[in-house]
């Protein structure tokens, strides 16, 4: 199978190494923004990603006929996990194998010290466990479900919520909002400290600064637009 997809695999690995955009290989539903209050199974959520933290990439070699902004769809998918600046390329799986235990086993066996799937220590595996089909039904209901591998219990690093979203992503979003609110409070209560931060970067804070929150692939923080000074938030 890998030989069959050698060209798209080379392209994907090269893109990962060089930091190129892989959005065209994602699900077309990536274009849908999250809808608050939507059902767990709604198209605005990627349940494989939100539960296990696993991205699935299509292995086409040309543009999709229905939407040339995306690569042609394939029945086979390359599964990848992304942590910080490292990509963990798991393997090629058939479409719809969303709860295959082989995915978890491959990640654990290939990178045993990375904890791509957190181990639930002190918990014994279920006597019968869930089938992959049962796991899929539970995931669609927004129920976080453990996986038993070789007598050990693991859960997905997305920490699926009952809304079908990732609790890990929610915590990151909450932290980001806290940082924005803290900056606003600091400017209101101690503006001289902000001016000093801008001066420390060799710039002069205008009498009437124009602050704008920015979020890019490499950083996030507040940009003072008049002086062009970026005040980065801690990651």
Foldseek 3Di string as FASTA:
>chain_A
DCVVLVVLVVVVVVCLVVVHDQVLFFDPLCPPDDDPPDALQDSNADLLCLWAVKTWGARADAADPVDRSHGHHDQKTWIWHDDDSDIDTQGIDGPPLSQPVSSVVSVCVVCVPPPSWPWDPPDWDDPVADDSVRVVVCSSQQHWGWDDDPGTITTHPQCTGSRNGRVVVVVVVVVVVVQVVVVVVCCVPPVVVVQVVQVVVVWGADPDWDWDWDDDPVFTAIARVVGRDGDTDDD
